[in-house]
C-alpha cells in the first residue's frame, strides 16, 4: 500500500515546498531541518499503524490508563542524504535501534547504471518492524537492492519504506519487487529522466544537505 502525505493538505506540503524552492534550499541548515521535520511527520503517520497496549501510568495525582507502544521499530537509512531524514524518525521513535546502508551508482559507458551496496551496519532484524528511509525514491533500484538483501538475511516482521519525493516509475518498481512493503511518501512526481533524476524533484538531496561531492 502507498501512503502519500500531500493527498491531504498539511504542514508537510509547506516543508516539501521549501525543499523544492531553488532559493530557500540554498540554506543548508534549513534544508536539513526540513528533511528532519518530514521524517518526524512520516514517523508519526507510521506510528498510527503500530501496536499499543494498555498501561497504568502513575501521575502525581493518581493513576491514568494509557495506551503505549509495545515495541520500537528499527530505523534503517541510506546514507548520506538519508541522515537528516533519519534523525526525524529517531526524534519520534527515540528508543529505536538504527541501521545504516551505503549504496552507490556505477554508470556504464552506454549510460546505463548499476547499483552497488558498499556498506551495511544493522542490528539483528529478525522479528522486527523495520523502517527504511531515503529522501528520494527515483528509479527505486537502490531501495529494492537494499531491502531485498535485508529481507533475505532476516525474518523481518513488517517492512515500511519512507521517502519524501518519489517518481511514479520508482513506486511501481518498488511495488513490483517488494509487494509486502508499506510505502510512505511526501509527494509523487510523474517524470523520471534517462539518468534517473526526478522532475521537477528538488535536485541532489545529499549535495543540498552537505555540499557537493567529488566522487
N, C-alpha and C. Protein backbone atom coordinates (compact mmCIF):
# COMPACT_ATOMS: atom_id res chain seq x y z
N UNK A 1 0.84 -1.20 0.00
CA UNK A 1 0.00 0.00 0.00
C UNK A 1 0.88 1.24 0.00
N UNK A 2 0.43 2.28 -0.73
CA UNK A 2 1.18 3.52 -0.82
C UNK A 2 0.41 4.63 -0.11
N UNK A 3 1.09 5.34 0.78
CA UNK A 3 0.51 6.45 1.51
C UNK A 3 1.21 7.73 1.05
N UNK A 4 0.45 8.74 0.60
CA UNK A 4 1.02 9.98 0.07
C UNK A 4 0.54 11.16 0.93
N UNK A 5 1.49 11.84 1.59
CA UNK A 5 1.13 12.92 2.51
C UNK A 5 0.36 14.05 1.85
N UNK A 6 0.79 14.43 0.64
CA UNK A 6 0.21 15.62 0.01
C UNK A 6 -1.17 15.39 -0.60
N UNK A 7 -1.71 14.19 -0.46
CA UNK A 7 -3.09 13.98 -0.88
C UNK A 7 -4.05 14.78 -0.01
N UNK A 8 -3.59 15.13 1.18
CA UNK A 8 -4.35 15.98 2.08
C UNK A 8 -3.46 17.12 2.53
N UNK A 9 -3.96 18.34 2.46
CA UNK A 9 -3.15 19.49 2.85
C UNK A 9 -2.77 19.43 4.32
N UNK A 10 -1.50 19.68 4.58
CA UNK A 10 -0.98 19.75 5.95
C UNK A 10 0.30 20.55 5.90
N UNK A 11 0.93 20.74 7.05
CA UNK A 11 2.20 21.47 7.10
C UNK A 11 3.28 20.75 6.30
N UNK A 12 3.08 19.44 6.04
CA UNK A 12 4.05 18.71 5.22
C UNK A 12 4.19 19.34 3.84
N UNK A 13 3.07 19.81 3.26
CA UNK A 13 3.13 20.46 1.95
C UNK A 13 4.07 21.65 1.99
N UNK A 14 4.00 22.42 3.06
CA UNK A 14 4.83 23.63 3.19
C UNK A 14 6.32 23.25 3.27
N UNK A 15 6.64 22.24 4.06
CA UNK A 15 8.03 21.83 4.19
C UNK A 15 8.58 21.29 2.87
N UNK A 16 7.76 20.51 2.15
CA UNK A 16 8.20 19.98 0.85
C UNK A 16 8.39 21.12 -0.15
N UNK A 17 7.51 22.12 -0.11
CA UNK A 17 7.65 23.28 -1.00
C UNK A 17 8.97 23.99 -0.74
N UNK A 18 9.36 24.12 0.52
CA UNK A 18 10.64 24.77 0.84
C UNK A 18 11.82 23.93 0.37
N UNK A 19 11.70 22.60 0.47
CA UNK A 19 12.78 21.73 -0.03
C UNK A 19 12.97 21.89 -1.53
N UNK A 20 11.87 22.10 -2.25
CA UNK A 20 11.94 22.22 -3.71
C UNK A 20 12.41 23.61 -4.16
N UNK A 21 12.17 24.63 -3.37
CA UNK A 21 12.38 26.03 -3.77
C UNK A 21 13.86 26.32 -4.00
N UNK A 22 14.18 26.81 -5.19
CA UNK A 22 15.60 26.98 -5.58
C UNK A 22 16.34 27.97 -4.69
N UNK A 23 15.66 28.95 -4.13
CA UNK A 23 16.33 29.92 -3.26
C UNK A 23 16.39 29.42 -1.82
N UNK A 24 15.26 28.93 -1.31
CA UNK A 24 15.22 28.50 0.09
C UNK A 24 16.16 27.33 0.33
N UNK A 25 16.30 26.44 -0.64
CA UNK A 25 17.13 25.25 -0.44
C UNK A 25 18.62 25.56 -0.39
N UNK A 26 18.99 26.79 -0.74
CA UNK A 26 20.40 27.19 -0.63
C UNK A 26 20.85 27.29 0.83
N UNK A 27 19.90 27.44 1.73
CA UNK A 27 20.20 27.46 3.16
C UNK A 27 20.30 26.01 3.63
N UNK A 28 21.52 25.50 3.77
CA UNK A 28 21.71 24.07 4.09
C UNK A 28 21.08 23.69 5.42
N UNK A 29 21.21 24.58 6.40
CA UNK A 29 20.63 24.28 7.71
C UNK A 29 19.12 24.10 7.61
N UNK A 30 18.47 25.01 6.89
CA UNK A 30 17.02 24.93 6.72
C UNK A 30 16.64 23.70 5.91
N UNK A 31 17.45 23.38 4.89
CA UNK A 31 17.18 22.19 4.08
C UNK A 31 17.24 20.94 4.94
N UNK A 32 18.29 20.80 5.73
CA UNK A 32 18.41 19.62 6.60
C UNK A 32 17.27 19.58 7.61
N UNK A 33 16.89 20.74 8.14
CA UNK A 33 15.81 20.79 9.13
C UNK A 33 14.49 20.36 8.52
N UNK A 34 14.24 20.75 7.28
CA UNK A 34 13.01 20.33 6.62
C UNK A 34 12.99 18.83 6.34
N UNK A 35 14.15 18.26 5.99
CA UNK A 35 14.23 16.80 5.87
C UNK A 35 13.89 16.14 7.20
N UNK A 36 14.44 16.70 8.27
CA UNK A 36 14.19 16.15 9.60
C UNK A 36 12.71 16.28 9.98
N UNK A 37 12.11 17.43 9.72
CA UNK A 37 10.70 17.64 10.04
C UNK A 37 9.81 16.63 9.32
N UNK A 38 10.12 16.38 8.05
CA UNK A 38 9.31 15.43 7.29
C UNK A 38 9.51 14.01 7.78
N UNK A 39 10.71 13.71 8.27
CA UNK A 39 10.92 12.42 8.91
C UNK A 39 10.02 12.26 10.13
N UNK A 40 9.89 13.33 10.91
CA UNK A 40 9.03 13.30 12.09
C UNK A 40 7.56 13.09 11.70
N UNK A 41 7.13 13.79 10.64
CA UNK A 41 5.74 13.68 10.21
C UNK A 41 5.42 12.28 9.71
N UNK A 42 6.30 11.72 8.88
CA UNK A 42 6.05 10.38 8.36
C UNK A 42 6.13 9.35 9.47
N UNK A 43 7.07 9.54 10.41
CA UNK A 43 7.15 8.63 11.56
C UNK A 43 5.85 8.64 12.35
N UNK A 44 5.28 9.82 12.54
CA UNK A 44 4.00 9.95 13.25
C UNK A 44 2.91 9.19 12.50
N UNK A 45 2.87 9.33 11.18
CA UNK A 45 1.85 8.61 10.40
C UNK A 45 2.03 7.10 10.50
N UNK A 46 3.28 6.64 10.42
CA UNK A 46 3.54 5.21 10.56
C UNK A 46 3.14 4.73 11.95
N UNK A 47 3.34 5.57 12.96
CA UNK A 47 3.03 5.17 14.34
C UNK A 47 1.57 4.79 14.52
N UNK A 48 0.69 5.32 13.67
CA UNK A 48 -0.73 5.01 13.77
C UNK A 48 -1.03 3.55 13.41
N UNK A 49 -0.10 2.91 12.69
CA UNK A 49 -0.32 1.53 12.26
C UNK A 49 0.29 0.51 13.22
N UNK A 50 1.02 0.96 14.23
CA UNK A 50 1.73 0.06 15.12
C UNK A 50 0.84 -0.43 16.26
N UNK A 51 1.36 -1.33 17.07
CA UNK A 51 0.58 -1.97 18.12
C UNK A 51 0.81 -1.30 19.47
N UNK A 52 -0.28 -1.09 20.18
CA UNK A 52 -0.25 -0.45 21.51
C UNK A 52 -0.95 -1.35 22.52
N UNK A 53 -0.59 -1.17 23.77
CA UNK A 53 -1.20 -1.97 24.84
C UNK A 53 -1.55 -1.05 26.01
N UNK A 54 -2.62 -1.36 26.75
CA UNK A 54 -2.97 -0.52 27.90
C UNK A 54 -1.92 -0.63 29.00
N UNK A 55 -1.68 0.48 29.65
CA UNK A 55 -0.71 0.51 30.74
C UNK A 55 -1.16 1.54 31.77
N UNK A 56 -1.07 1.16 33.04
CA UNK A 56 -1.43 2.09 34.10
C UNK A 56 -0.22 2.98 34.42
N UNK A 57 -0.41 4.29 34.27
CA UNK A 57 0.65 5.25 34.48
C UNK A 57 0.36 6.03 35.76
N UNK A 58 1.32 6.03 36.67
CA UNK A 58 1.14 6.77 37.92
C UNK A 58 1.51 8.24 37.71
N UNK A 59 0.58 9.14 37.99
CA UNK A 59 0.82 10.57 37.90
C UNK A 59 0.95 11.12 39.33
N UNK A 60 1.31 12.37 39.51
CA UNK A 60 1.39 12.93 40.87
C UNK A 60 0.05 12.91 41.61
N UNK A 61 -1.05 12.78 40.85
CA UNK A 61 -2.37 12.86 41.49
C UNK A 61 -3.20 11.58 41.38
N UNK A 62 -2.65 10.55 40.75
CA UNK A 62 -3.44 9.32 40.63
C UNK A 62 -2.91 8.40 39.56
N UNK A 63 -3.81 7.54 39.05
CA UNK A 63 -3.45 6.55 38.03
C UNK A 63 -4.22 6.87 36.76
N UNK A 64 -3.49 6.88 35.63
CA UNK A 64 -4.10 7.10 34.32
C UNK A 64 -3.83 5.89 33.44
N UNK A 65 -4.89 5.35 32.85
CA UNK A 65 -4.69 4.22 31.93
C UNK A 65 -4.44 4.77 30.54
N UNK A 66 -3.28 4.49 30.03
CA UNK A 66 -2.87 4.96 28.71
C UNK A 66 -2.58 3.77 27.81
N UNK A 67 -2.45 4.03 26.52
CA UNK A 67 -2.03 3.01 25.57
C UNK A 67 -0.63 3.37 25.08
N UNK A 68 0.31 2.49 25.29
CA UNK A 68 1.70 2.77 24.94
C UNK A 68 2.20 1.76 23.91
N UNK A 69 3.22 2.20 23.17
CA UNK A 69 3.79 1.38 22.10
C UNK A 69 4.39 0.10 22.67
N UNK A 70 4.06 -1.03 22.04
CA UNK A 70 4.56 -2.31 22.57
C UNK A 70 5.98 -2.61 22.12
N UNK A 71 6.41 -2.07 20.99
CA UNK A 71 7.79 -2.28 20.54
C UNK A 71 8.25 -1.14 19.65
N UNK A 72 9.51 -0.82 19.73
CA UNK A 72 10.10 0.20 18.88
C UNK A 72 10.51 -0.43 17.55
N UNK A 73 10.29 0.28 16.44
CA UNK A 73 10.80 -0.23 15.16
C UNK A 73 12.31 -0.07 15.09
N UNK A 74 12.91 -0.71 14.12
CA UNK A 74 14.33 -0.48 13.81
C UNK A 74 14.37 0.48 12.62
N UNK A 75 15.17 1.53 12.72
CA UNK A 75 15.25 2.57 11.71
C UNK A 75 16.50 2.38 10.86
N UNK A 76 16.33 2.16 9.58
CA UNK A 76 17.46 1.94 8.67
C UNK A 76 17.43 3.04 7.62
N UNK A 77 18.57 3.67 7.36
CA UNK A 77 18.60 4.72 6.33
C UNK A 77 19.74 4.50 5.35
N UNK A 78 19.56 5.07 4.15
CA UNK A 78 20.60 5.05 3.13
C UNK A 78 21.38 6.36 3.23
N UNK A 79 22.68 6.23 3.53
CA UNK A 79 23.49 7.44 3.70
C UNK A 79 24.04 7.86 2.32
N UNK A 80 24.29 9.22 2.11
CA UNK A 80 24.38 10.23 3.13
C UNK A 80 23.13 11.11 3.21
N UNK A 81 22.39 11.19 2.09
CA UNK A 81 21.21 12.07 2.05
C UNK A 81 20.18 11.68 3.10
N UNK A 82 20.17 10.42 3.51
CA UNK A 82 19.15 9.96 4.44
C UNK A 82 19.38 10.36 5.88
N UNK A 83 20.55 10.89 6.21
CA UNK A 83 20.87 11.13 7.62
C UNK A 83 19.95 12.13 8.32
N UNK A 84 19.69 13.33 7.76
CA UNK A 84 18.77 14.23 8.45
C UNK A 84 17.34 13.72 8.45
N UNK A 85 16.93 13.05 7.40
CA UNK A 85 15.60 12.43 7.33
C UNK A 85 15.48 11.37 8.43
N UNK A 86 16.52 10.57 8.58
CA UNK A 86 16.59 9.55 9.62
C UNK A 86 16.47 10.16 11.02
N UNK A 87 17.09 11.32 11.23
CA UNK A 87 17.03 11.97 12.54
C UNK A 87 15.60 12.31 12.91
N UNK A 88 14.79 12.67 11.93
CA UNK A 88 13.39 12.93 12.21
C UNK A 88 12.67 11.71 12.75
N UNK A 89 12.94 10.55 12.16
CA UNK A 89 12.35 9.30 12.65
C UNK A 89 12.84 9.00 14.06
N UNK A 90 14.13 9.27 14.29
CA UNK A 90 14.72 8.99 15.59
C UNK A 90 14.18 9.93 16.66
N UNK A 91 13.79 11.13 16.27
CA UNK A 91 13.18 12.05 17.23
C UNK A 91 11.85 11.51 17.74
N UNK A 92 11.12 10.79 16.89
CA UNK A 92 9.82 10.24 17.27
C UNK A 92 9.98 8.89 17.96
N UNK A 93 10.70 7.98 17.32
CA UNK A 93 10.96 6.66 17.90
C UNK A 93 12.31 6.74 18.63
N UNK A 94 12.30 7.43 19.77
CA UNK A 94 13.56 7.83 20.38
C UNK A 94 14.31 6.72 21.11
N UNK A 95 13.71 5.55 21.21
CA UNK A 95 14.40 4.41 21.81
C UNK A 95 14.76 3.35 20.76
N UNK A 96 14.56 3.69 19.49
CA UNK A 96 14.75 2.72 18.42
C UNK A 96 16.23 2.46 18.14
N UNK A 97 16.54 1.24 17.72
CA UNK A 97 17.86 0.92 17.18
C UNK A 97 17.94 1.46 15.75
N UNK A 98 19.17 1.69 15.27
CA UNK A 98 19.37 2.22 13.93
C UNK A 98 20.29 1.34 13.11
N UNK A 99 20.09 1.39 11.81
CA UNK A 99 20.97 0.71 10.87
C UNK A 99 21.31 1.66 9.73
N UNK A 100 22.46 1.42 9.09
CA UNK A 100 22.93 2.33 8.04
C UNK A 100 23.45 1.53 6.86
N UNK A 101 23.04 1.97 5.67
CA UNK A 101 23.46 1.31 4.43
C UNK A 101 23.99 2.36 3.47
N UNK A 102 25.10 2.06 2.81
CA UNK A 102 25.63 2.92 1.76
C UNK A 102 25.55 2.17 0.43
N UNK A 103 24.95 2.82 -0.55
CA UNK A 103 24.88 2.25 -1.88
C UNK A 103 25.31 3.32 -2.88
N UNK A 104 25.87 2.91 -3.99
CA UNK A 104 26.30 3.91 -4.97
C UNK A 104 25.95 3.44 -6.37
N UNK A 105 25.88 4.42 -7.27
CA UNK A 105 25.52 4.17 -8.66
C UNK A 105 26.77 4.10 -9.52
N UNK A 106 26.93 3.00 -10.27
CA UNK A 106 28.05 2.87 -11.22
C UNK A 106 27.48 3.00 -12.63
N UNK A 107 27.89 4.08 -13.31
CA UNK A 107 27.38 4.36 -14.65
C UNK A 107 28.29 3.74 -15.70
N UNK A 108 27.70 3.01 -16.62
CA UNK A 108 28.46 2.40 -17.71
C UNK A 108 28.63 3.38 -18.86
N UNK A 109 29.49 3.05 -19.83
CA UNK A 109 29.71 3.91 -20.99
C UNK A 109 28.43 4.09 -21.79
N UNK A 110 27.56 3.11 -21.76
CA UNK A 110 26.30 3.18 -22.50
C UNK A 110 25.32 4.17 -21.88
N UNK A 111 25.61 4.61 -20.67
CA UNK A 111 24.69 5.49 -19.97
C UNK A 111 23.84 4.75 -18.96
N UNK A 112 23.78 3.43 -19.08
CA UNK A 112 23.05 2.63 -18.11
C UNK A 112 23.87 2.59 -16.80
N UNK A 113 23.17 2.29 -15.71
CA UNK A 113 23.89 2.25 -14.45
C UNK A 113 23.46 1.04 -13.62
N UNK A 114 24.36 0.65 -12.74
CA UNK A 114 24.08 -0.42 -11.79
C UNK A 114 24.20 0.15 -10.38
N UNK A 115 23.44 -0.44 -9.46
CA UNK A 115 23.50 -0.03 -8.06
C UNK A 115 24.31 -1.07 -7.29
N UNK A 116 25.31 -0.61 -6.55
CA UNK A 116 26.13 -1.50 -5.74
C UNK A 116 26.01 -1.09 -4.27
N UNK A 117 25.89 -2.06 -3.41
CA UNK A 117 25.89 -1.78 -1.98
C UNK A 117 27.33 -1.78 -1.50
N UNK A 118 27.73 -0.71 -0.78
CA UNK A 118 29.12 -0.57 -0.37
C UNK A 118 29.32 -0.88 1.11
N UNK A 119 28.29 -0.63 1.91
CA UNK A 119 28.46 -0.73 3.36
C UNK A 119 27.11 -1.01 3.99
N UNK A 120 27.11 -1.85 5.04
CA UNK A 120 25.87 -2.13 5.77
C UNK A 120 26.21 -2.37 7.23
N UNK A 121 25.47 -1.74 8.11
CA UNK A 121 25.64 -1.94 9.54
C UNK A 121 24.26 -1.86 10.18
N UNK A 122 23.70 -3.01 10.54
CA UNK A 122 22.37 -3.05 11.13
C UNK A 122 22.37 -3.98 12.34
N UNK A 123 21.43 -3.77 13.27
CA UNK A 123 21.25 -4.74 14.34
C UNK A 123 20.52 -5.97 13.81
N UNK A 124 20.27 -6.93 14.67
CA UNK A 124 19.50 -8.12 14.30
C UNK A 124 18.07 -7.68 13.97
N UNK A 125 17.60 -8.00 12.78
CA UNK A 125 16.27 -7.57 12.33
C UNK A 125 15.23 -8.68 12.39
N UNK A 126 15.60 -9.85 12.88
CA UNK A 126 14.63 -10.95 12.95
C UNK A 126 13.45 -10.57 13.84
N UNK A 127 12.26 -10.74 13.30
CA UNK A 127 11.04 -10.48 14.06
C UNK A 127 10.78 -9.02 14.33
N UNK A 128 11.46 -8.11 13.63
CA UNK A 128 11.36 -6.68 13.91
C UNK A 128 10.49 -5.95 12.87
N UNK A 129 9.93 -4.84 13.31
CA UNK A 129 9.34 -3.87 12.40
C UNK A 129 10.48 -2.98 11.92
N UNK A 130 10.65 -2.87 10.62
CA UNK A 130 11.78 -2.13 10.06
C UNK A 130 11.26 -0.99 9.18
N UNK A 131 11.81 0.20 9.39
CA UNK A 131 11.51 1.36 8.55
C UNK A 131 12.78 1.74 7.80
N UNK A 132 12.74 1.65 6.48
CA UNK A 132 13.88 2.02 5.64
C UNK A 132 13.58 3.39 5.01
N UNK A 133 14.46 4.36 5.23
CA UNK A 133 14.20 5.71 4.75
C UNK A 133 15.28 6.20 3.80
N UNK A 134 14.83 6.92 2.78
CA UNK A 134 15.71 7.57 1.80
C UNK A 134 14.91 8.74 1.23
N UNK A 135 15.41 9.97 1.27
CA UNK A 135 14.59 11.11 0.87
C UNK A 135 14.03 11.03 -0.55
N UNK A 136 14.82 10.48 -1.49
CA UNK A 136 14.40 10.46 -2.88
C UNK A 136 14.23 9.02 -3.37
N UNK A 137 13.05 8.71 -3.87
CA UNK A 137 12.80 7.40 -4.47
C UNK A 137 12.69 7.64 -5.97
N UNK A 138 13.83 7.52 -6.66
CA UNK A 138 13.87 7.84 -8.09
C UNK A 138 13.54 6.60 -8.93
N UNK A 139 14.56 5.84 -9.32
CA UNK A 139 14.29 4.60 -10.06
C UNK A 139 13.80 3.50 -9.13
N UNK A 140 14.13 3.62 -7.84
CA UNK A 140 13.76 2.59 -6.87
C UNK A 140 14.75 1.44 -6.80
N UNK A 141 15.78 1.47 -7.66
CA UNK A 141 16.70 0.33 -7.73
C UNK A 141 17.53 0.17 -6.46
N UNK A 142 18.02 1.28 -5.90
CA UNK A 142 18.84 1.17 -4.69
C UNK A 142 18.00 0.69 -3.51
N UNK A 143 16.79 1.20 -3.37
CA UNK A 143 15.93 0.75 -2.28
C UNK A 143 15.57 -0.72 -2.42
N UNK A 144 15.27 -1.15 -3.64
CA UNK A 144 14.92 -2.55 -3.86
C UNK A 144 16.11 -3.45 -3.54
N UNK A 145 17.30 -3.06 -4.01
CA UNK A 145 18.50 -3.86 -3.74
C UNK A 145 18.71 -4.00 -2.24
N UNK A 146 18.68 -2.89 -1.52
CA UNK A 146 18.95 -2.92 -0.08
C UNK A 146 17.86 -3.66 0.69
N UNK A 147 16.61 -3.39 0.36
CA UNK A 147 15.51 -4.03 1.10
C UNK A 147 15.44 -5.53 0.82
N UNK A 148 15.68 -5.95 -0.41
CA UNK A 148 15.63 -7.38 -0.72
C UNK A 148 16.76 -8.13 -0.02
N UNK A 149 17.91 -7.49 0.10
CA UNK A 149 19.02 -8.14 0.81
C UNK A 149 18.70 -8.25 2.30
N UNK A 150 18.06 -7.23 2.86
CA UNK A 150 17.66 -7.31 4.27
C UNK A 150 16.61 -8.41 4.46
N UNK A 151 15.66 -8.47 3.54
CA UNK A 151 14.59 -9.47 3.64
C UNK A 151 15.13 -10.89 3.49
N UNK A 152 16.18 -11.05 2.68
CA UNK A 152 16.76 -12.39 2.50
C UNK A 152 17.62 -12.80 3.70
N UNK A 153 18.18 -11.79 4.39
CA UNK A 153 19.08 -12.08 5.51
C UNK A 153 18.33 -12.23 6.83
N UNK A 154 17.15 -11.60 6.95
CA UNK A 154 16.42 -11.59 8.21
C UNK A 154 14.94 -11.91 8.00
N UNK A 155 14.34 -12.45 9.02
CA UNK A 155 12.90 -12.69 9.02
C UNK A 155 12.20 -11.44 9.57
N UNK A 156 12.08 -10.42 8.72
CA UNK A 156 11.51 -9.15 9.13
C UNK A 156 9.99 -9.28 9.26
N UNK A 157 9.48 -8.82 10.37
CA UNK A 157 8.04 -8.96 10.63
C UNK A 157 7.21 -8.01 9.78
N UNK A 158 7.70 -6.79 9.62
CA UNK A 158 6.92 -5.76 8.93
C UNK A 158 7.90 -4.76 8.35
N UNK A 159 7.72 -4.41 7.06
CA UNK A 159 8.65 -3.50 6.40
C UNK A 159 7.92 -2.25 5.93
N UNK A 160 8.46 -1.10 6.30
CA UNK A 160 7.96 0.19 5.83
C UNK A 160 9.09 0.88 5.06
N UNK A 161 8.75 1.50 3.93
CA UNK A 161 9.70 2.27 3.15
C UNK A 161 9.22 3.71 3.11
N UNK A 162 10.11 4.65 3.44
CA UNK A 162 9.72 6.06 3.52
C UNK A 162 10.60 6.92 2.64
N UNK A 163 9.98 7.82 1.90
CA UNK A 163 10.69 8.78 1.06
C UNK A 163 9.93 10.10 1.07
N UNK A 164 10.62 11.16 0.71
CA UNK A 164 9.96 12.47 0.66
C UNK A 164 9.38 12.73 -0.72
N UNK A 165 10.18 12.49 -1.75
CA UNK A 165 9.68 12.64 -3.12
C UNK A 165 9.98 11.36 -3.88
N UNK A 166 8.96 10.86 -4.59
CA UNK A 166 9.10 9.63 -5.36
C UNK A 166 8.65 9.88 -6.79
N UNK A 167 9.19 9.11 -7.71
CA UNK A 167 8.67 9.12 -9.08
C UNK A 167 7.64 8.00 -9.21
N UNK A 168 6.72 8.18 -10.15
CA UNK A 168 5.73 7.13 -10.40
C UNK A 168 6.42 5.83 -10.80
N UNK A 169 7.44 5.95 -11.64
CA UNK A 169 8.17 4.77 -12.11
C UNK A 169 8.86 4.05 -10.94
N UNK A 170 9.46 4.83 -10.06
CA UNK A 170 10.12 4.24 -8.90
C UNK A 170 9.15 3.52 -7.98
N UNK A 171 8.00 4.13 -7.76
CA UNK A 171 6.98 3.48 -6.93
C UNK A 171 6.55 2.15 -7.52
N UNK A 172 6.33 2.14 -8.83
CA UNK A 172 5.93 0.90 -9.50
C UNK A 172 7.00 -0.17 -9.37
N UNK A 173 8.28 0.25 -9.48
CA UNK A 173 9.38 -0.71 -9.37
C UNK A 173 9.43 -1.31 -7.96
N UNK A 174 9.28 -0.48 -6.94
CA UNK A 174 9.32 -0.97 -5.56
C UNK A 174 8.13 -1.89 -5.30
N UNK A 175 6.95 -1.51 -5.75
CA UNK A 175 5.76 -2.35 -5.54
C UNK A 175 5.89 -3.70 -6.24
N UNK A 176 6.54 -3.70 -7.41
CA UNK A 176 6.69 -4.94 -8.16
C UNK A 176 7.63 -5.92 -7.46
N UNK A 177 8.71 -5.40 -6.85
CA UNK A 177 9.73 -6.27 -6.28
C UNK A 177 9.62 -6.45 -4.77
N UNK A 178 8.91 -5.54 -4.10
CA UNK A 178 8.71 -5.68 -2.65
C UNK A 178 7.23 -5.43 -2.34
N UNK A 179 6.36 -6.31 -2.80
CA UNK A 179 4.91 -6.07 -2.64
C UNK A 179 4.46 -6.05 -1.19
N UNK A 180 5.23 -6.66 -0.30
CA UNK A 180 4.82 -6.73 1.11
C UNK A 180 5.07 -5.43 1.87
N UNK A 181 5.82 -4.50 1.28
CA UNK A 181 6.19 -3.27 2.00
C UNK A 181 5.06 -2.25 2.00
N UNK A 182 4.96 -1.53 3.11
CA UNK A 182 4.12 -0.34 3.17
C UNK A 182 4.99 0.84 2.75
N UNK A 183 4.52 1.64 1.79
CA UNK A 183 5.33 2.74 1.25
C UNK A 183 4.71 4.07 1.67
N UNK A 184 5.55 4.94 2.23
CA UNK A 184 5.12 6.25 2.71
C UNK A 184 5.92 7.32 2.00
N UNK A 185 5.25 8.22 1.27
CA UNK A 185 5.97 9.27 0.54
C UNK A 185 5.30 10.62 0.79
N UNK A 186 6.11 11.68 0.68
CA UNK A 186 5.58 13.03 0.83
C UNK A 186 4.81 13.46 -0.40
N UNK A 187 5.44 13.30 -1.58
CA UNK A 187 4.83 13.73 -2.83
C UNK A 187 5.34 12.84 -3.95
N UNK A 188 4.58 12.81 -5.05
CA UNK A 188 4.93 11.96 -6.20
C UNK A 188 5.01 12.82 -7.45
N UNK A 189 6.13 12.68 -8.19
CA UNK A 189 6.32 13.37 -9.47
C UNK A 189 6.20 12.37 -10.61
N UNK A 190 5.74 12.84 -11.75
CA UNK A 190 5.46 11.93 -12.86
C UNK A 190 6.66 11.59 -13.72
N UNK A 191 7.65 12.50 -13.78
CA UNK A 191 8.73 12.32 -14.75
C UNK A 191 10.01 11.83 -14.10
N UNK A 192 10.66 10.89 -14.79
CA UNK A 192 11.99 10.40 -14.41
C UNK A 192 12.85 10.43 -15.65
N UNK A 193 13.98 11.15 -15.62
CA UNK A 193 14.83 11.28 -16.80
C UNK A 193 15.57 9.98 -17.08
N UNK A 194 16.26 9.95 -18.23
CA UNK A 194 17.03 8.77 -18.61
C UNK A 194 18.17 8.51 -17.63
N UNK A 195 18.60 9.55 -16.91
CA UNK A 195 19.65 9.40 -15.90
C UNK A 195 19.07 9.20 -14.50
N UNK A 196 17.76 8.93 -14.46
CA UNK A 196 17.04 8.66 -13.20
C UNK A 196 17.03 9.84 -12.23
N UNK A 197 16.80 11.02 -12.77
CA UNK A 197 16.55 12.19 -11.94
C UNK A 197 15.06 12.49 -11.96
N UNK A 198 14.51 12.75 -10.77
CA UNK A 198 13.09 13.05 -10.67
C UNK A 198 12.84 14.49 -11.10
N UNK A 199 11.80 14.67 -11.94
CA UNK A 199 11.42 16.01 -12.42
C UNK A 199 9.96 16.27 -12.04
N UNK A 200 9.64 17.40 -11.39
CA UNK A 200 10.53 18.51 -11.04
C UNK A 200 11.47 18.22 -9.87
N UNK A 201 11.15 17.27 -9.00
CA UNK A 201 12.07 16.87 -7.94
C UNK A 201 12.50 18.03 -7.08
N UNK A 202 13.77 17.99 -6.65
CA UNK A 202 14.34 19.10 -5.88
C UNK A 202 15.84 19.24 -6.07
N UNK A 203 16.44 18.37 -6.89
CA UNK A 203 17.89 18.37 -7.06
C UNK A 203 18.50 17.21 -6.29
N UNK A 204 19.78 17.32 -5.99
CA UNK A 204 20.51 16.28 -5.27
C UNK A 204 20.40 16.55 -3.77
N UNK A 205 19.61 15.74 -3.07
CA UNK A 205 19.36 15.99 -1.64
C UNK A 205 20.64 15.92 -0.81
N UNK A 206 21.53 15.00 -1.15
CA UNK A 206 22.78 14.89 -0.41
C UNK A 206 23.66 16.11 -0.57
N UNK A 207 23.77 16.61 -1.80
CA UNK A 207 24.58 17.81 -2.05
C UNK A 207 23.96 19.03 -1.37
N UNK A 208 22.64 19.14 -1.43
CA UNK A 208 21.98 20.28 -0.82
C UNK A 208 22.11 20.27 0.70
N UNK A 209 22.17 19.09 1.27
CA UNK A 209 22.29 18.98 2.72
C UNK A 209 23.73 19.15 3.20
N UNK A 210 24.70 18.65 2.42
CA UNK A 210 26.08 18.58 2.93
C UNK A 210 27.14 19.17 2.00
N UNK A 211 26.77 19.61 0.83
CA UNK A 211 27.76 20.14 -0.11
C UNK A 211 28.05 19.16 -1.22
N UNK A 212 28.60 19.66 -2.33
CA UNK A 212 28.85 18.81 -3.50
C UNK A 212 29.97 17.83 -3.20
N UNK A 213 29.92 16.71 -3.89
CA UNK A 213 30.92 15.66 -3.71
C UNK A 213 31.75 15.50 -4.98
N UNK A 214 32.99 15.05 -4.81
CA UNK A 214 33.87 14.86 -5.96
C UNK A 214 33.58 13.55 -6.64
N UNK A 215 33.26 12.49 -5.85
CA UNK A 215 33.02 11.17 -6.43
C UNK A 215 31.66 10.67 -5.99
